[in-house]
Amino acid sequence: MEHTTEWRIQVNLTEDGETTKARAVLDTGATSLTGQGVAHRSPDDTDVRLIGDEFAAGRALRELGDKLIGTAQRDVAARGSGPEGRRSPMYGWEL
């Protein structure tokens, strides 16, 4: 059975001096997860706003991804499946 779902991720970036902060929010329709990321520019570096945005957003999305994987692992465990030695890809889901 084919299934198509769309999830939305919103990334908000704020800059204050040499610090850029990012907040990434995933809305699945059933739940919401948030990731945070920060980038600090050295005072000696050229001020290129895009670079700070990329680092902060990337870190926020990485944290969000880690939280999503943790949620999936808990969901699997709640259904009576636990970690086991596998030869298949990580988390037992084929890629």
N, C-alpha and C. Protein backbone atom coordinates (compact mmCIF):
# COMPACT_ATOMS: atom_id res chain seq x y z
N MET A 1 0.84 -1.17 0.00
CA MET A 1 0.00 0.00 0.00
C MET A 1 0.89 1.24 0.00
N GLU A 2 0.65 2.13 -0.95
CA GLU A 2 1.44 3.36 -1.05
C GLU A 2 0.92 4.39 -0.05
N HIS A 3 1.86 5.13 0.52
CA HIS A 3 1.51 6.13 1.53
C HIS A 3 2.38 7.37 1.31
N THR A 4 1.76 8.52 1.26
CA THR A 4 2.49 9.78 1.11
C THR A 4 2.09 10.73 2.23
N THR A 5 3.09 11.29 2.90
CA THR A 5 2.86 12.24 3.99
C THR A 5 3.80 13.42 3.81
N GLU A 6 3.35 14.58 4.19
CA GLU A 6 4.22 15.75 4.15
C GLU A 6 4.38 16.30 5.57
N TRP A 7 5.62 16.46 5.98
CA TRP A 7 5.94 17.09 7.26
C TRP A 7 6.59 18.43 6.96
N ARG A 8 6.36 19.37 7.83
CA ARG A 8 6.92 20.71 7.64
C ARG A 8 7.97 20.99 8.71
N ILE A 9 9.06 21.59 8.27
CA ILE A 9 10.11 22.05 9.18
C ILE A 9 10.27 23.55 8.98
N GLN A 10 10.20 24.28 10.09
CA GLN A 10 10.41 25.72 10.04
C GLN A 10 11.71 26.02 10.79
N VAL A 11 12.58 26.78 10.17
CA VAL A 11 13.86 27.16 10.79
C VAL A 11 13.86 28.68 10.97
N ASN A 12 14.01 29.11 12.22
CA ASN A 12 14.10 30.54 12.54
C ASN A 12 15.53 30.85 12.98
N LEU A 13 16.08 31.91 12.42
CA LEU A 13 17.46 32.31 12.72
C LEU A 13 17.46 33.71 13.31
N THR A 14 18.27 33.89 14.36
CA THR A 14 18.46 35.22 14.94
C THR A 14 19.95 35.44 15.13
N GLU A 15 20.37 36.67 14.87
CA GLU A 15 21.78 37.02 15.01
C GLU A 15 21.90 38.16 16.01
N ASP A 16 22.86 38.01 16.92
CA ASP A 16 23.13 39.05 17.90
C ASP A 16 24.65 39.18 17.99
N GLY A 17 25.18 40.18 17.32
CA GLY A 17 26.63 40.37 17.31
C GLY A 17 27.31 39.23 16.58
N GLU A 18 28.14 38.50 17.27
CA GLU A 18 28.90 37.42 16.67
C GLU A 18 28.26 36.05 16.90
N THR A 19 27.04 36.01 17.39
CA THR A 19 26.35 34.76 17.68
C THR A 19 25.08 34.65 16.84
N THR A 20 24.94 33.51 16.20
CA THR A 20 23.73 33.19 15.44
C THR A 20 23.06 31.99 16.10
N LYS A 21 21.77 32.10 16.34
CA LYS A 21 21.00 31.02 16.94
C LYS A 21 19.93 30.56 15.95
N ALA A 22 19.69 29.25 15.94
CA ALA A 22 18.67 28.68 15.08
C ALA A 22 17.73 27.81 15.91
N ARG A 23 16.48 27.82 15.51
CA ARG A 23 15.46 26.96 16.12
C ARG A 23 14.73 26.28 14.98
N ALA A 24 14.80 24.95 14.92
CA ALA A 24 14.14 24.17 13.88
C ALA A 24 12.98 23.42 14.52
N VAL A 25 11.79 23.56 13.94
CA VAL A 25 10.59 22.92 14.48
C VAL A 25 10.01 22.01 13.40
N LEU A 26 9.84 20.74 13.74
CA LEU A 26 9.21 19.76 12.86
C LEU A 26 7.77 19.57 13.31
N ASP A 27 6.84 19.73 12.39
CA ASP A 27 5.42 19.50 12.67
C ASP A 27 4.97 18.32 11.83
N THR A 28 4.67 17.19 12.49
CA THR A 28 4.23 15.99 11.77
C THR A 28 2.71 15.94 11.63
N GLY A 29 2.03 16.89 12.23
CA GLY A 29 0.58 16.85 12.25
C GLY A 29 0.07 16.19 13.52
N ALA A 30 0.85 15.22 14.04
CA ALA A 30 0.49 14.53 15.27
C ALA A 30 1.34 14.99 16.45
N THR A 31 2.53 15.46 16.15
CA THR A 31 3.45 15.89 17.21
C THR A 31 4.38 16.98 16.67
N SER A 32 5.13 17.57 17.56
CA SER A 32 6.08 18.61 17.19
C SER A 32 7.39 18.36 17.93
N LEU A 33 8.50 18.49 17.24
CA LEU A 33 9.83 18.35 17.83
C LEU A 33 10.63 19.60 17.50
N THR A 34 11.53 19.99 18.42
CA THR A 34 12.33 21.20 18.24
C THR A 34 13.81 20.89 18.42
N GLY A 35 14.63 21.49 17.57
CA GLY A 35 16.08 21.40 17.68
C GLY A 35 16.66 22.80 17.77
N GLN A 36 17.74 22.95 18.52
CA GLN A 36 18.41 24.25 18.69
C GLN A 36 19.84 24.15 18.17
N GLY A 37 20.33 25.25 17.62
CA GLY A 37 21.71 25.30 17.16
C GLY A 37 22.27 26.69 17.35
N VAL A 38 23.58 26.77 17.58
CA VAL A 38 24.25 28.06 17.80
C VAL A 38 25.56 28.06 17.02
N ALA A 39 25.90 29.22 16.47
CA ALA A 39 27.19 29.43 15.82
C ALA A 39 27.79 30.72 16.37
N HIS A 40 29.09 30.67 16.63
CA HIS A 40 29.81 31.85 17.14
C HIS A 40 30.91 32.23 16.14
N ARG A 41 30.90 33.48 15.71
CA ARG A 41 31.93 33.99 14.80
C ARG A 41 33.05 34.60 15.61
N SER A 42 34.25 34.26 15.24
CA SER A 42 35.41 34.88 15.87
C SER A 42 35.46 36.35 15.46
N PRO A 43 35.79 37.24 16.38
CA PRO A 43 35.88 38.67 16.04
C PRO A 43 36.89 38.93 14.91
N ASP A 44 37.84 38.03 14.71
CA ASP A 44 38.85 38.19 13.66
C ASP A 44 38.36 37.74 12.29
N ASP A 45 37.23 36.99 12.23
CA ASP A 45 36.72 36.50 10.97
C ASP A 45 35.90 37.55 10.24
N THR A 46 35.86 37.44 8.93
CA THR A 46 35.03 38.33 8.11
C THR A 46 33.57 38.05 8.44
N ASP A 47 32.77 39.10 8.53
CA ASP A 47 31.36 38.97 8.87
C ASP A 47 30.58 38.53 7.63
N VAL A 48 30.33 37.23 7.50
CA VAL A 48 29.52 36.67 6.42
C VAL A 48 28.33 35.99 7.09
N ARG A 49 27.22 36.69 7.12
CA ARG A 49 26.03 36.24 7.84
C ARG A 49 25.58 34.84 7.41
N LEU A 50 25.65 34.54 6.11
CA LEU A 50 25.20 33.25 5.60
C LEU A 50 25.93 32.08 6.26
N ILE A 51 27.21 32.24 6.53
CA ILE A 51 27.99 31.14 7.13
C ILE A 51 27.48 30.84 8.54
N GLY A 52 27.25 31.87 9.33
CA GLY A 52 26.70 31.65 10.67
C GLY A 52 25.32 31.01 10.61
N ASP A 53 24.50 31.44 9.63
CA ASP A 53 23.18 30.84 9.46
C ASP A 53 23.29 29.36 9.13
N GLU A 54 24.22 29.02 8.24
CA GLU A 54 24.39 27.62 7.83
C GLU A 54 24.83 26.74 9.01
N PHE A 55 25.81 27.22 9.78
CA PHE A 55 26.27 26.43 10.93
C PHE A 55 25.16 26.27 11.97
N ALA A 56 24.50 27.36 12.32
CA ALA A 56 23.47 27.29 13.35
C ALA A 56 22.29 26.43 12.90
N ALA A 57 21.84 26.62 11.66
CA ALA A 57 20.72 25.83 11.14
C ALA A 57 21.10 24.36 11.03
N GLY A 58 22.30 24.08 10.55
CA GLY A 58 22.75 22.68 10.45
C GLY A 58 22.78 22.00 11.80
N ARG A 59 23.23 22.70 12.82
CA ARG A 59 23.28 22.13 14.17
C ARG A 59 21.88 21.92 14.73
N ALA A 60 20.97 22.85 14.44
CA ALA A 60 19.58 22.70 14.90
C ALA A 60 18.92 21.51 14.21
N LEU A 61 19.17 21.36 12.91
CA LEU A 61 18.58 20.24 12.18
C LEU A 61 19.18 18.90 12.62
N ARG A 62 20.47 18.91 12.95
CA ARG A 62 21.10 17.68 13.44
C ARG A 62 20.47 17.27 14.78
N GLU A 63 20.27 18.24 15.68
CA GLU A 63 19.62 17.92 16.96
C GLU A 63 18.20 17.43 16.73
N LEU A 64 17.49 18.06 15.81
CA LEU A 64 16.13 17.65 15.48
C LEU A 64 16.13 16.21 14.95
N GLY A 65 17.07 15.89 14.09
CA GLY A 65 17.18 14.52 13.56
C GLY A 65 17.45 13.51 14.66
N ASP A 66 18.33 13.85 15.59
CA ASP A 66 18.62 12.95 16.72
C ASP A 66 17.37 12.71 17.55
N LYS A 67 16.59 13.77 17.77
CA LYS A 67 15.35 13.62 18.55
C LYS A 67 14.34 12.76 17.80
N LEU A 68 14.27 12.92 16.49
CA LEU A 68 13.33 12.13 15.70
C LEU A 68 13.70 10.65 15.72
N ILE A 69 14.98 10.34 15.62
CA ILE A 69 15.43 8.95 15.70
C ILE A 69 15.13 8.38 17.08
N GLY A 70 15.35 9.17 18.13
CA GLY A 70 15.01 8.72 19.49
C GLY A 70 13.53 8.42 19.63
N THR A 71 12.69 9.26 19.03
CA THR A 71 11.25 9.03 19.06
C THR A 71 10.91 7.72 18.36
N ALA A 72 11.52 7.49 17.21
CA ALA A 72 11.26 6.24 16.48
C ALA A 72 11.71 5.02 17.29
N GLN A 73 12.85 5.12 17.95
CA GLN A 73 13.33 4.01 18.78
C GLN A 73 12.37 3.72 19.92
N ARG A 74 11.85 4.76 20.56
CA ARG A 74 10.88 4.56 21.64
C ARG A 74 9.58 3.96 21.12
N ASP A 75 9.17 4.38 19.93
CA ASP A 75 7.96 3.82 19.33
C ASP A 75 8.13 2.34 19.03
N VAL A 76 9.29 1.96 18.53
CA VAL A 76 9.57 0.54 18.26
C VAL A 76 9.56 -0.24 19.57
N ALA A 77 10.21 0.28 20.60
CA ALA A 77 10.26 -0.39 21.90
C ALA A 77 8.87 -0.52 22.50
N ALA A 78 8.02 0.48 22.31
CA ALA A 78 6.67 0.44 22.87
C ALA A 78 5.82 -0.65 22.21
N ARG A 79 6.23 -1.08 21.04
CA ARG A 79 5.50 -2.13 20.34
C ARG A 79 6.11 -3.50 20.60
N GLY A 80 6.98 -3.55 21.60
CA GLY A 80 7.54 -4.84 22.02
C GLY A 80 8.80 -5.25 21.30
N SER A 81 9.32 -4.40 20.45
CA SER A 81 10.57 -4.72 19.77
C SER A 81 11.70 -3.98 20.45
N GLY A 82 12.79 -4.66 20.64
CA GLY A 82 13.93 -4.03 21.27
C GLY A 82 15.14 -4.12 20.37
N PRO A 83 16.22 -3.51 20.79
CA PRO A 83 17.43 -3.60 19.99
C PRO A 83 17.93 -5.03 19.93
N GLU A 84 18.44 -5.39 18.79
CA GLU A 84 19.01 -6.72 18.62
C GLU A 84 20.15 -6.60 17.62
N GLY A 85 21.01 -7.60 17.62
CA GLY A 85 22.09 -7.60 16.64
C GLY A 85 21.50 -7.79 15.26
N ARG A 86 21.79 -6.91 14.35
CA ARG A 86 21.24 -6.98 13.00
C ARG A 86 22.36 -6.91 11.97
N ARG A 87 22.11 -7.55 10.84
CA ARG A 87 23.00 -7.38 9.70
C ARG A 87 22.41 -6.37 8.72
N SER A 88 21.17 -5.99 8.96
CA SER A 88 20.51 -5.01 8.08
C SER A 88 20.88 -3.60 8.53
N PRO A 89 20.44 -2.59 7.78
CA PRO A 89 20.80 -1.21 8.13
C PRO A 89 20.35 -0.81 9.53
N MET A 90 20.93 0.28 10.00
CA MET A 90 20.65 0.82 11.31
C MET A 90 19.15 0.95 11.56
N TYR A 91 18.69 0.59 12.74
CA TYR A 91 17.30 0.68 13.21
C TYR A 91 16.38 -0.32 12.54
N GLY A 92 16.91 -1.22 11.69
CA GLY A 92 16.11 -2.27 11.12
C GLY A 92 15.26 -1.87 9.93
N TRP A 93 15.30 -0.62 9.53
CA TRP A 93 14.52 -0.17 8.39
C TRP A 93 15.42 -0.18 7.15
N GLU A 94 14.96 -0.84 6.11
CA GLU A 94 15.72 -0.87 4.87
C GLU A 94 15.78 0.53 4.27
N LEU A 95 16.89 0.85 3.67
CA LEU A 95 17.05 2.17 3.04
C LEU A 95 16.65 2.12 1.59
